[in-house]
Amino acid sequence: MARPLRVLYEGALYHVIVRGNAKQDIFLDDQDRYGFLDWLEDVVKTHNLVVHAHCLMSNHFHLLIETPDANLSTAMRDLNGNYALWFNTRHGRVGHLFQGRFKAFVIEKETYLLAVARYIVLNAVRAGLVDHPRKWKWCSYNATAGTATVPEWLHVDWLLKAFDEERKTAQKAYRRFVMDGIDAPDPYDELEHDFILGSPQFVHWIWDNHTAGSEKLKEYPREQRIVGRPRLEEIFTDGMPKEERDKAIAFARIRCGYLASEIARFIRLDRSVVGKISRGKYNQKPVARPDPV
């Protein structure tokens, strides 16, 4: 199974989903859930995380995490590893608790943080376990809505200030916003790429700044390595001089991951010629984006 591509940078926001191995439960009782939250608090402090929302279900959990120090992988390794060891010891079991690697969507904060935070706290409602998120004590709804104490490790200020500077007014607006979400479209219906939820500009910014080098690493799925790359129409312009065209071919083939046949069809050049040009440019590092003509 291919490894998921991890996009790590300071201040990144992620919707993390972790599921039980073979769909088994990872929380057998409330003590497990309290224990997990203790480990989450420890990881938040140790790795300087910002948690905006969470929801614990029976066989999986959701976290909305911001990473000021670009350390999601190490933080999740510690959280999952520590909890799994504690869980197995407590229940006298052995073996894997979680289903492979965690899923992490990169979220554009300004555009989708509110929608994803709402999606997370409505999990138990969508699953038919409760008819109102306030009745599911294992999510961050009550703390954010002002009907429960805010844990030290949970950050609710950014969410609430998106509604109003006055706390009680913001909490009331948040409660209304969440309930409106029961019949609202799923934010992931707008997901056009495998692991990034954001505007086209954000998706391209991720590709341009945080995936360089991944195009040559075959352990990552190809659809993730090429997310956000510029279209061929943006790379090639009519009447490009041959030298600029050759740079564009190398850029499209090596950095963007286009197939030689795709490039050849687009610029109406023989595939073997495209292959030779891209191989000739391969050892000239880094391959920079060609200047517009």
C-alpha atoms as a PDB file:
ATOM      1  CA  MET A   1       0.000   0.000   0.000  1.00  0.00           C
ATOM      2  CA  ALA A   2       1.437   3.387  -0.988  1.00  0.00           C
ATOM      3  CA  ARG A   3       2.335   5.818   1.770  1.00  0.00           C
ATOM      4  CA  PRO A   4       0.195   8.966   1.946  1.00  0.00           C
ATOM      5  CA  LEU A   5       2.030  12.162   1.025  1.00  0.00           C
ATOM      6  CA  ARG A   6       2.461  14.329   4.119  1.00  0.00           C
ATOM      7  CA  VAL A   7       2.490  18.070   3.522  1.00  0.00           C
ATOM      8  CA  LEU A   8       4.205  19.625   6.538  1.00  0.00           C
ATOM      9  CA  TYR A   9       4.746  23.326   7.120  1.00  0.00           C
ATOM     10  CA  GLU A  10       4.568  25.792   9.978  1.00  0.00           C
ATOM     11  CA  GLY A  11       1.015  26.841  10.720  1.00  0.00           C
ATOM     12  CA  ALA A  12      -0.598  24.073   8.660  1.00  0.00           C
ATOM     13  CA  LEU A  13      -4.137  23.033   9.556  1.00  0.00           C
ATOM     14  CA  TYR A  14      -5.255  19.404   9.262  1.00  0.00           C
ATOM     15  CA  HIS A  15      -8.378  17.335   9.662  1.00  0.00           C
ATOM     16  CA  VAL A  16      -6.965  14.076  11.008  1.00  0.00           C
ATOM     17  CA  ILE A  17      -8.950  10.829  10.998  1.00  0.00           C
ATOM     18  CA  VAL A  18      -7.693   7.660  12.682  1.00  0.00           C
ATOM     19  CA  ARG A  19      -9.624   4.379  12.449  1.00  0.00           C
ATOM     20  CA  GLY A  20      -9.427   1.109  14.315  1.00  0.00           C
ATOM     21  CA  ASN A  21      -7.690  -1.838  12.693  1.00  0.00           C
ATOM     22  CA  ALA A  22     -10.204  -3.929  10.727  1.00  0.00           C
ATOM     23  CA  LYS A  23     -12.892  -1.436  11.845  1.00  0.00           C
ATOM     24  CA  GLN A  24     -12.579  -2.619  15.450  1.00  0.00           C
ATOM     25  CA  ASP A  25     -13.467  -0.329  18.341  1.00  0.00           C
ATOM     26  CA  ILE A  26     -10.639   1.756  19.747  1.00  0.00           C
ATOM     27  CA  PHE A  27     -12.700   2.980  22.716  1.00  0.00           C
ATOM     28  CA  LEU A  28     -14.397   0.242  24.730  1.00  0.00           C
ATOM     29  CA  ASP A  29     -15.645   2.410  27.584  1.00  0.00           C
ATOM     30  CA  ASP A  30     -15.528   5.918  28.992  1.00  0.00           C
ATOM     31  CA  GLN A  31     -12.259   5.239  30.794  1.00  0.00           C
ATOM     32  CA  ASP A  32     -10.655   4.621  27.405  1.00  0.00           C
ATOM     33  CA  ARG A  33     -11.990   7.943  26.167  1.00  0.00           C
ATOM     34  CA  TYR A  34     -10.752   9.809  29.221  1.00  0.00           C
ATOM     35  CA  GLY A  35      -7.400   8.088  28.825  1.00  0.00           C
ATOM     36  CA  PHE A  36      -7.175   9.125  25.181  1.00  0.00           C
ATOM     37  CA  LEU A  37      -7.945  12.752  26.055  1.00  0.00           C
ATOM     38  CA  ASP A  38      -5.180  12.647  28.666  1.00  0.00           C
ATOM     39  CA  TRP A  39      -2.729  11.450  26.027  1.00  0.00           C
ATOM     40  CA  LEU A  40      -4.015  14.101  23.627  1.00  0.00           C
ATOM     41  CA  GLU A  41      -3.379  16.802  26.226  1.00  0.00           C
ATOM     42  CA  ASP A  42       0.145  15.474  26.730  1.00  0.00           C
ATOM     43  CA  VAL A  43       0.871  15.525  22.993  1.00  0.00           C
ATOM     44  CA  VAL A  44      -0.603  19.023  22.591  1.00  0.00           C
ATOM     45  CA  LYS A  45       1.785  20.340  25.240  1.00  0.00           C
ATOM     46  CA  THR A  46       4.797  18.318  24.106  1.00  0.00           C
ATOM     47  CA  HIS A  47       4.468  19.160  20.405  1.00  0.00           C
ATOM     48  CA  ASN A  48       2.946  22.649  20.660  1.00  0.00           C
ATOM     49  CA  LEU A  49      -0.255  21.766  18.825  1.00  0.00           C
ATOM     50  CA  VAL A  50      -3.431  23.821  18.490  1.00  0.00           C
ATOM     51  CA  VAL A  51      -6.608  21.702  18.612  1.00  0.00           C
ATOM     52  CA  HIS A  52      -9.683  23.502  17.262  1.00  0.00           C
ATOM     53  CA  ALA A  53     -12.167  20.592  17.364  1.00  0.00           C
ATOM     54  CA  HIS A  54     -12.377  16.897  18.116  1.00  0.00           C
ATOM     55  CA  CYS A  55     -14.819  13.994  18.190  1.00  0.00           C
ATOM     56  CA  LEU A  56     -14.303  10.495  19.567  1.00  0.00           C
ATOM     57  CA  MET A  57     -16.483   7.787  18.073  1.00  0.00           C
ATOM     58  CA  SER A  58     -16.336   4.065  18.890  1.00  0.00           C
ATOM     59  CA  ASN A  59     -13.977   2.879  16.149  1.00  0.00           C
ATOM     60  CA  HIS A  60     -12.367   6.145  15.028  1.00  0.00           C
ATOM     61  CA  PHE A  61     -11.646   9.717  16.032  1.00  0.00           C
ATOM     62  CA  HIS A  62     -11.432  13.136  14.377  1.00  0.00           C
ATOM     63  CA  LEU A  63      -9.088  16.008  15.233  1.00  0.00           C
ATOM     64  CA  LEU A  64      -8.805  19.487  13.738  1.00  0.00           C
ATOM     65  CA  ILE A  65      -5.163  20.304  14.444  1.00  0.00           C
ATOM     66  CA  GLU A  66      -2.929  23.267  13.670  1.00  0.00           C
ATOM     67  CA  THR A  67       0.846  22.727  13.773  1.00  0.00           C
ATOM     68  CA  PRO A  68       2.886  25.892  14.466  1.00  0.00           C
ATOM     69  CA  ASP A  69       6.056  23.757  14.307  1.00  0.00           C
ATOM     70  CA  ALA A  70       5.308  21.639  11.179  1.00  0.00           C
ATOM     71  CA  ASN A  71       5.385  18.415  13.197  1.00  0.00           C
ATOM     72  CA  LEU A  72       2.138  16.559  12.493  1.00  0.00           C
ATOM     73  CA  SER A  73       3.776  13.178  11.782  1.00  0.00           C
ATOM     74  CA  THR A  74       5.797  13.043  14.991  1.00  0.00           C
ATOM     75  CA  ALA A  75       2.875  14.321  17.062  1.00  0.00           C
ATOM     76  CA  MET A  76       0.490  11.694  15.679  1.00  0.00           C
ATOM     77  CA  ARG A  77       3.116   8.975  16.071  1.00  0.00           C
ATOM     78  CA  ASP A  78       3.334   9.791  19.767  1.00  0.00           C
ATOM     79  CA  LEU A  79      -0.424  10.131  20.265  1.00  0.00           C
ATOM     80  CA  ASN A  80      -1.329   6.898  18.498  1.00  0.00           C
ATOM     81  CA  GLY A  81       1.636   4.966  19.892  1.00  0.00           C
ATOM     82  CA  ASN A  82       1.151   6.031  23.496  1.00  0.00           C
ATOM     83  CA  TYR A  83      -2.590   5.448  23.466  1.00  0.00           C
ATOM     84  CA  ALA A  84      -2.313   2.062  21.725  1.00  0.00           C
ATOM     85  CA  LEU A  85       0.259   0.845  24.270  1.00  0.00           C
ATOM     86  CA  TRP A  86      -1.880   2.090  27.170  1.00  0.00           C
ATOM     87  CA  PHE A  87      -5.061   0.573  25.656  1.00  0.00           C
ATOM     88  CA  ASN A  88      -3.449  -2.823  25.022  1.00  0.00           C
ATOM     89  CA  THR A  89      -1.983  -2.922  28.529  1.00  0.00           C
ATOM     90  CA  ARG A  90      -5.277  -1.945  30.116  1.00  0.00           C
ATOM     91  CA  HIS A  91      -7.286  -4.555  28.206  1.00  0.00           C
ATOM     92  CA  GLY A  92      -4.646  -7.296  28.181  1.00  0.00           C
ATOM     93  CA  ARG A  93      -4.422  -7.469  24.394  1.00  0.00           C
ATOM     94  CA  VAL A  94      -1.687  -7.410  21.770  1.00  0.00           C
ATOM     95  CA  GLY A  95      -1.434  -6.388  18.127  1.00  0.00           C
ATOM     96  CA  HIS A  96      -2.220  -3.304  16.111  1.00  0.00           C
ATOM     97  CA  LEU A  97      -4.960  -1.062  17.382  1.00  0.00           C
ATOM     98  CA  PHE A  98      -5.119   1.375  14.473  1.00  0.00           C
ATOM     99  CA  GLN A  99      -5.700   0.822  10.772  1.00  0.00           C
ATOM    100  CA  GLY A 100      -2.373   1.648   9.140  1.00  0.00           C
ATOM    101  CA  ARG A 101      -1.450   5.283   8.671  1.00  0.00           C
ATOM    102  CA  PHE A 102      -3.665   8.131   9.731  1.00  0.00           C
ATOM    103  CA  LYS A 103      -5.601  10.166   7.183  1.00  0.00           C
ATOM    104  CA  ALA A 104      -4.828  13.892   7.136  1.00  0.00           C
ATOM    105  CA  PHE A 105      -6.559  16.481   4.983  1.00  0.00           C
ATOM    106  CA  VAL A 106      -4.736  19.799   4.618  1.00  0.00           C
ATOM    107  CA  ILE A 107      -7.316  22.528   5.242  1.00  0.00           C
ATOM    108  CA  GLU A 108      -7.290  26.147   4.085  1.00  0.00           C
ATOM    109  CA  LYS A 109      -7.960  27.859   7.411  1.00  0.00           C
ATOM    110  CA  GLU A 110      -9.599  31.060   6.239  1.00  0.00           C
ATOM    111  CA  THR A 111     -11.982  29.248   3.899  1.00  0.00           C
ATOM    112  CA  TYR A 112     -12.844  25.894   5.465  1.00  0.00           C
ATOM    113  CA  LEU A 113     -11.954  25.828   9.175  1.00  0.00           C
ATOM    114  CA  LEU A 114     -15.510  26.619  10.305  1.00  0.00           C
ATOM    115  CA  ALA A 115     -17.125  24.108   7.965  1.00  0.00           C
ATOM    116  CA  VAL A 116     -14.741  21.299   8.937  1.00  0.00           C
ATOM    117  CA  ALA A 117     -15.058  22.090  12.660  1.00  0.00           C
ATOM    118  CA  ARG A 118     -18.834  21.809  12.288  1.00  0.00           C
ATOM    119  CA  TYR A 119     -18.512  18.585  10.294  1.00  0.00           C
ATOM    120  CA  ILE A 120     -16.426  17.058  13.093  1.00  0.00           C
ATOM    121  CA  VAL A 121     -18.763  17.867  16.000  1.00  0.00           C
ATOM    122  CA  LEU A 122     -21.781  16.607  14.032  1.00  0.00           C
ATOM    123  CA  ASN A 123     -20.304  13.125  13.585  1.00  0.00           C
ATOM    124  CA  ALA A 124     -22.419  11.467  16.258  1.00  0.00           C
ATOM    125  CA  VAL A 125     -25.560  13.161  14.919  1.00  0.00           C
ATOM    126  CA  ARG A 126     -24.877  11.930  11.379  1.00  0.00           C
ATOM    127  CA  ALA A 127     -24.245   8.437  12.758  1.00  0.00           C
ATOM    128  CA  GLY A 128     -27.665   8.481  14.436  1.00  0.00           C
ATOM    129  CA  LEU A 129     -26.254   8.117  17.947  1.00  0.00           C
ATOM    130  CA  VAL A 130     -27.789  11.383  19.206  1.00  0.00           C
ATOM    131  CA  ASP A 131     -30.163  13.996  17.811  1.00  0.00           C
ATOM    132  CA  HIS A 132     -28.134  16.991  19.003  1.00  0.00           C
ATOM    133  CA  PRO A 133     -24.346  17.436  19.315  1.00  0.00           C
ATOM    134  CA  ARG A 134     -24.688  18.674  22.898  1.00  0.00           C
ATOM    135  CA  LYS A 135     -25.736  15.138  23.844  1.00  0.00           C
ATOM    136  CA  TRP A 136     -22.412  13.671  22.653  1.00  0.00           C
ATOM    137  CA  LYS A 137     -19.973  14.496  25.454  1.00  0.00           C
ATOM    138  CA  TRP A 138     -16.993  13.140  23.507  1.00  0.00           C
ATOM    139  CA  CYS A 139     -16.718  16.044  21.095  1.00  0.00           C
ATOM    140  CA  SER A 140     -15.723  19.692  21.423  1.00  0.00           C
ATOM    141  CA  TYR A 141     -19.198  21.097  20.758  1.00  0.00           C
ATOM    142  CA  ASN A 142     -20.194  21.881  24.360  1.00  0.00           C
ATOM    143  CA  ALA A 143     -16.872  23.499  25.228  1.00  0.00           C
ATOM    144  CA  THR A 144     -17.062  25.732  22.167  1.00  0.00           C
ATOM    145  CA  ALA A 145     -20.765  26.461  22.587  1.00  0.00           C
ATOM    146  CA  GLY A 146     -20.275  27.650  26.176  1.00  0.00           C
ATOM    147  CA  THR A 147     -22.193  24.830  27.851  1.00  0.00           C
ATOM    148  CA  ALA A 148     -19.137  23.059  29.317  1.00  0.00           C
ATOM    149  CA  THR A 149     -15.720  23.993  30.652  1.00  0.00           C
ATOM    150  CA  VAL A 150     -13.089  24.464  27.951  1.00  0.00           C
ATOM    151  CA  PRO A 151     -10.185  22.020  28.467  1.00  0.00           C
ATOM    152  CA  GLU A 152      -6.783  23.653  28.717  1.00  0.00           C
ATOM    153  CA  TRP A 153      -5.639  21.923  25.533  1.00  0.00           C
ATOM    154  CA  LEU A 154      -8.638  22.978  23.377  1.00  0.00           C
ATOM    155  CA  HIS A 155      -8.444  26.273  21.478  1.00  0.00           C
ATOM    156  CA  VAL A 156     -11.894  27.786  20.857  1.00  0.00           C
ATOM    157  CA  ASP A 157     -11.000  31.464  20.419  1.00  0.00           C
ATOM    158  CA  TRP A 158     -10.371  31.425  16.665  1.00  0.00           C
ATOM    159  CA  LEU A 159     -13.671  29.694  15.952  1.00  0.00           C
ATOM    160  CA  LEU A 160     -15.692  31.978  18.186  1.00  0.00           C
ATOM    161  CA  LYS A 161     -14.058  35.199  16.997  1.00  0.00           C
ATOM    162  CA  ALA A 162     -15.080  34.259  13.469  1.00  0.00           C
ATOM    163  CA  PHE A 163     -18.654  34.923  14.657  1.00  0.00           C
ATOM    164  CA  ASP A 164     -18.283  37.862  17.030  1.00  0.00           C
ATOM    165  CA  GLU A 165     -15.779  39.512  19.368  1.00  0.00           C
ATOM    166  CA  GLU A 166     -18.260  39.306  22.247  1.00  0.00           C
ATOM    167  CA  ARG A 167     -18.043  35.808  23.733  1.00  0.00           C
ATOM    168  CA  LYS A 168     -21.688  35.062  24.503  1.00  0.00           C
ATOM    169  CA  THR A 169     -22.859  36.460  21.164  1.00  0.00           C
ATOM    170  CA  ALA A 170     -20.261  34.343  19.390  1.00  0.00           C
ATOM    171  CA  GLN A 171     -21.284  31.195  21.282  1.00  0.00           C
ATOM    172  CA  LYS A 172     -24.919  31.717  20.386  1.00  0.00           C
ATOM    173  CA  ALA A 173     -24.003  32.218  16.713  1.00  0.00           C
ATOM    174  CA  TYR A 174     -21.795  29.099  16.844  1.00  0.00           C
ATOM    175  CA  ARG A 175     -24.655  26.993  18.218  1.00  0.00           C
ATOM    176  CA  ARG A 176     -26.916  28.205  15.436  1.00  0.00           C
ATOM    177  CA  PHE A 177     -24.191  27.594  12.833  1.00  0.00           C
ATOM    178  CA  VAL A 178     -23.686  24.004  13.955  1.00  0.00           C
ATOM    179  CA  MET A 179     -27.396  23.196  13.904  1.00  0.00           C
ATOM    180  CA  ASP A 180     -27.709  24.710  10.442  1.00  0.00           C
ATOM    181  CA  GLY A 181     -25.011  22.244   9.401  1.00  0.00           C
ATOM    182  CA  ILE A 182     -27.223  19.211   9.971  1.00  0.00           C
ATOM    183  CA  ASP A 183     -28.914  19.881   6.630  1.00  0.00           C
ATOM    184  CA  ALA A 184     -25.978  21.685   5.010  1.00  0.00           C
ATOM    185  CA  PRO A 185     -23.851  20.130   2.238  1.00  0.00           C
ATOM    186  CA  ASP A 186     -20.842  18.111   3.347  1.00  0.00           C
ATOM    187  CA  PRO A 187     -17.706  20.288   2.921  1.00  0.00           C
ATOM    188  CA  TYR A 188     -15.953  17.252   1.476  1.00  0.00           C
ATOM    189  CA  ASP A 189     -18.412  17.249  -1.396  1.00  0.00           C
ATOM    190  CA  GLU A 190     -16.248  20.126  -2.648  1.00  0.00           C
ATOM    191  CA  LEU A 191     -13.034  18.102  -2.364  1.00  0.00           C
ATOM    192  CA  GLU A 192     -11.476  18.017  -5.822  1.00  0.00           C
ATOM    193  CA  HIS A 193      -8.151  16.621  -4.704  1.00  0.00           C
ATOM    194  CA  ASP A 194      -7.178  13.635  -2.638  1.00  0.00           C
ATOM    195  CA  PHE A 195      -6.018  15.365   0.539  1.00  0.00           C
ATOM    196  CA  ILE A 196      -6.349  19.165   0.208  1.00  0.00           C
ATOM    197  CA  LEU A 197      -9.520  21.119   0.984  1.00  0.00           C
ATOM    198  CA  GLY A 198      -9.175  24.711  -0.156  1.00  0.00           C
ATOM    199  CA  SER A 199      -9.417  27.193  -2.986  1.00  0.00           C
ATOM    200  CA  PRO A 200      -7.610  26.514  -6.298  1.00  0.00           C
ATOM    201  CA  GLN A 201      -5.047  29.146  -5.279  1.00  0.00           C
ATOM    202  CA  PHE A 202      -4.388  27.330  -1.993  1.00  0.00           C
ATOM    203  CA  VAL A 203      -4.065  23.962  -3.714  1.00  0.00           C
ATOM    204  CA  HIS A 204      -1.542  25.358  -6.189  1.00  0.00           C
ATOM    205  CA  TRP A 205       0.342  27.106  -3.369  1.00  0.00           C
ATOM    206  CA  ILE A 206       0.702  23.744  -1.605  1.00  0.00           C
ATOM    207  CA  TRP A 207       2.079  22.167  -4.784  1.00  0.00           C
ATOM    208  CA  ASP A 208       4.386  25.075  -5.554  1.00  0.00           C
ATOM    209  CA  ASN A 209       5.847  25.365  -2.060  1.00  0.00           C
ATOM    210  CA  HIS A 210       5.467  22.101  -0.189  1.00  0.00           C
ATOM    211  CA  THR A 211       5.603  19.100  -2.526  1.00  0.00           C
ATOM    212  CA  ALA A 212       8.865  19.752  -4.424  1.00  0.00           C
ATOM    213  CA  GLY A 213      10.771  16.488  -4.765  1.00  0.00           C
ATOM    214  CA  SER A 214       7.779  14.232  -4.143  1.00  0.00           C
ATOM    215  CA  GLU A 215       7.261  13.815  -7.898  1.00  0.00           C
ATOM    216  CA  LYS A 216      10.232  11.421  -7.979  1.00  0.00           C
ATOM    217  CA  LEU A 217       9.219   9.389  -4.905  1.00  0.00           C
ATOM    218  CA  LYS A 218       7.210   6.449  -6.134  1.00  0.00           C
ATOM    219  CA  GLU A 219       6.123   5.341  -2.649  1.00  0.00           C
ATOM    220  CA  TYR A 220       3.541   8.134  -2.735  1.00  0.00           C
ATOM    221  CA  PRO A 221       0.373   7.747  -4.840  1.00  0.00           C
ATOM    222  CA  ARG A 222       0.724   9.586  -8.167  1.00  0.00           C
ATOM    223  CA  GLU A 223      -2.577  11.421  -7.694  1.00  0.00           C
ATOM    224  CA  GLN A 224      -1.146  13.001  -4.528  1.00  0.00           C
ATOM    225  CA  ARG A 225       2.235  13.854  -6.047  1.00  0.00           C
ATOM    226  CA  ILE A 226       0.607  15.899  -8.829  1.00  0.00           C
ATOM    227  CA  VAL A 227      -2.127  17.672  -6.852  1.00  0.00           C
ATOM    228  CA  GLY A 228      -2.098  21.391  -7.610  1.00  0.00           C
ATOM    229  CA  ARG A 229       0.339  21.271 -10.515  1.00  0.00           C
ATOM    230  CA  PRO A 230      -0.178  23.891 -13.254  1.00  0.00           C
ATOM    231  CA  ARG A 231      -2.115  22.864 -16.331  1.00  0.00           C
ATOM    232  CA  LEU A 232      -0.238  22.302 -19.580  1.00  0.00           C
ATOM    233  CA  GLU A 233      -1.994  25.397 -20.935  1.00  0.00           C
ATOM    234  CA  GLU A 234      -0.241  27.397 -18.219  1.00  0.00           C
ATOM    235  CA  ILE A 235       3.176  25.888 -18.900  1.00  0.00           C
ATOM    236  CA  PHE A 236       3.270  26.158 -22.688  1.00  0.00           C
ATOM    237  CA  THR A 237       2.470  29.322 -24.632  1.00  0.00           C
ATOM    238  CA  ASP A 238       2.094  29.827 -28.351  1.00  0.00           C
ATOM    239  CA  GLY A 239       5.251  30.816 -30.155  1.00  0.00           C
ATOM    240  CA  MET A 240       7.670  29.852 -27.380  1.00  0.00           C
ATOM    241  CA  PRO A 241      11.329  29.878 -28.522  1.00  0.00           C
ATOM    242  CA  LYS A 242      12.808  26.375 -28.712  1.00  0.00           C
ATOM    243  CA  GLU A 243      15.031  26.901 -25.657  1.00  0.00           C
ATOM    244  CA  GLU A 244      12.060  28.023 -23.539  1.00  0.00           C
ATOM    245  CA  ARG A 245       9.941  25.200 -24.904  1.00  0.00           C
ATOM    246  CA  ASP A 246      12.604  22.668 -23.890  1.00  0.00           C
ATOM    247  CA  LYS A 247      12.728  24.125 -20.373  1.00  0.00           C
ATOM    248  CA  ALA A 248       8.947  23.899 -20.235  1.00  0.00           C
ATOM    249  CA  ILE A 249       9.067  20.251 -21.353  1.00  0.00           C
ATOM    250  CA  ALA A 250      11.555  19.399 -18.610  1.00  0.00           C
ATOM    251  CA  PHE A 251       9.487  21.287 -16.048  1.00  0.00           C
ATOM    252  CA  ALA A 252       6.241  19.599 -17.117  1.00  0.00           C
ATOM    253  CA  ARG A 253       7.780  16.119 -17.218  1.00  0.00           C
ATOM    254  CA  ILE A 254      10.060  16.192 -14.160  1.00  0.00           C
ATOM    255  CA  ARG A 255       8.523  18.616 -11.680  1.00  0.00           C
ATOM    256  CA  CYS A 256       4.861  18.334 -12.666  1.00  0.00           C
ATOM    257  CA  GLY A 257       4.826  14.613 -13.390  1.00  0.00           C
ATOM    258  CA  TYR A 258       3.085  14.773 -16.761  1.00  0.00           C
ATOM    259  CA  LEU A 259       3.554  11.724 -18.952  1.00  0.00           C
ATOM    260  CA  ALA A 260       5.710  12.179 -22.034  1.00  0.00           C
ATOM    261  CA  SER A 261       2.741  11.108 -24.133  1.00  0.00           C
ATOM    262  CA  GLU A 262       0.530  13.808 -22.550  1.00  0.00           C
ATOM    263  CA  ILE A 263       3.087  16.516 -23.274  1.00  0.00           C
ATOM    264  CA  ALA A 264       3.698  15.232 -26.794  1.00  0.00           C
ATOM    265  CA  ARG A 265      -0.002  15.313 -27.631  1.00  0.00           C
ATOM    266  CA  PHE A 266      -0.422  18.791 -26.216  1.00  0.00           C
ATOM    267  CA  ILE A 267       2.500  20.448 -28.048  1.00  0.00           C
ATOM    268  CA  ARG A 268       2.209  18.169 -31.105  1.00  0.00           C
ATOM    269  CA  LEU A 269       5.703  16.806 -30.849  1.00  0.00           C
ATOM    270  CA  ASP A 270       6.916  13.234 -31.187  1.00  0.00           C
ATOM    271  CA  ARG A 271       6.866  11.388 -27.874  1.00  0.00           C
ATOM    272  CA  SER A 272      10.454  10.173 -28.288  1.00  0.00           C
ATOM    273  CA  VAL A 273      11.623  13.770 -28.758  1.00  0.00           C
ATOM    274  CA  VAL A 274       9.839  14.831 -25.579  1.00  0.00           C
ATOM    275  CA  GLY A 275      11.487  11.938 -23.745  1.00  0.00           C
ATOM    276  CA  LYS A 276      14.965  12.873 -24.944  1.00  0.00           C
ATOM    277  CA  ILE A 277      14.500  16.537 -24.054  1.00  0.00           C
ATOM    278  CA  SER A 278      13.257  15.757 -20.552  1.00  0.00           C
ATOM    279  CA  ARG A 279      16.045  13.243 -19.922  1.00  0.00           C
ATOM    280  CA  GLY A 280      18.607  15.748 -21.109  1.00  0.00           C
ATOM    281  CA  LYS A 281      17.314  18.306 -18.602  1.00  0.00           C
ATOM    282  CA  TYR A 282      16.927  15.809 -15.770  1.00  0.00           C
ATOM    283  CA  ASN A 283      20.363  16.287 -14.249  1.00  0.00           C
ATOM    284  CA  GLN A 284      20.114  20.052 -14.200  1.00  0.00           C
ATOM    285  CA  LYS A 285      18.850  20.701 -10.685  1.00  0.00           C
ATOM    286  CA  PRO A 286      16.713  22.347  -9.647  1.00  0.00           C
ATOM    287  CA  VAL A 287      14.299  22.380 -12.553  1.00  0.00           C
ATOM    288  CA  ALA A 288      12.791  25.826 -12.328  1.00  0.00           C
ATOM    289  CA  ARG A 289       9.477  27.019 -13.663  1.00  0.00           C
ATOM    290  CA  PRO A 290      10.075  28.477 -17.154  1.00  0.00           C
ATOM    291  CA  ASP A 291       9.758  32.237 -17.395  1.00  0.00           C
ATOM    292  CA  PRO A 292       6.611  33.386 -19.205  1.00  0.00           C
ATOM    293  CA  VAL A 293       7.215  34.583 -22.747  1.00  0.00           C
END
